[in-house]
Amino acid sequence: MVTRTTPRESRGSDVIDCRTVEVEHSTGGTSTSDGNVERGPAGARAEPPRSRVKVPKPGFRREEGRRDHRHFPLKNAPLRRRILGLTSFPVFRFARCPQAVDSPAAPPLAPARFSHNVRFQTMNSIAPAQLLASLNWRYATKVFDPARPLPADVWAALEEALVLTPSSFGLQPYRFLDVRTPAIRAKLREHAWGQAQVTDAAHFVVFASRAEMTAADIDHLVDRIAEVRGQPREASKDYRDMMTGALLAPDRKAHIPAWAAHQAYIALGELLTAAAVLGVDACPMEGFDRAKFDEILGTQKDGYTCLVSAALGYRTAGDKYATLKKVRYPKAELVKVV
């Protein structure tokens, strides 16, 4: 029996709450370190090797199973093996364990540290019922507990959720201002209809979007792509030309503020959902004087304009809105299948 360690295993600190199980491979022979298969004497077939692979820990176990040719057609096997870096294909399937992830006794999901330097991986997930429970639990919190801060790791995760927001072309035409200075918050509250969330929430984030796009903004992304992916800038030439034509053409410049604002609202939605999943209360807020916010925060000198904000923290027992039923139109009215 030989042990194959995937790139995911070799980075022990990056493993996402997994455990190791052994699975049988569908081809015989002994796998060598270079991926070849050795035969026994006179071409005899050796005992099937076993490999160590990562499978999700919470609520799953491996069951013996046959190869399902509908999912693993033989004609595609060589391609799949090249993609996965395997010389033989694992035969296994998963079944739900008696203790499901939504069981009260199930352990909490471990924080995920993601690495792109893997060929394949399994990710932890929450049950659909857990997601819906989180979204039904959240509401636009009106009264925050000013004495209860967010744990540092929780806020760090929410910051990362903002950073990971998808955006058009990947240009990220926004900035997130985490306003922590009490004096500045007090000034902002004066121009936000006196709403207490501005000063009482553990964190107050202002979303600012680009007022215009320039060639320098596009080059900044191209430089970042080259840095992160380890490729020359010239490899993104066609992509740069496409972005230039779509965003810098004379007839497109007037649409840039609305386009950038749409991207910022995607980030707001990502933050609200992430907060709900982590049990953090939040309140999206548009009720403020944008020009005054720009003046106080100095966003326009950097080419941005304040758009929307979000208060985050923990609710108090005195918030009457916490117990009100959500009012939403029926799903059949909002979701149409075409």
Foldseek 3Di string as FASTA:
>chain_A
DDEDDFPLVVPVVQAFQWDKDKFWWPAFADQDPQQDGDADPPRHTDDTDIYIDTDHDFFKDKDADDDDCVVVPPVCVVVVCVLQVHPTHTGIDMDGDPGHCPHPPTDDGDDHDDDPPGSDDDHDDDDPVLLVVLVQQADQFQAFALVFADPPVLVVVLVVLLVPQDAVLSLLQKDKDWDDDQVLLVQQCVFQVNRCLSRRFNTKIWIKGFLFDDLVSLVVVLVVCCVVVVHDSVVCVVVSVVCCVQGVPPVRGVCRVVRRLVSSVSSVVSSCSSCSSVVKYKHKGQRGDFVSVCVSVVVVVVRITTGIMMGIHHHDPPGPVSPDGDDDDDPPVVDDDD
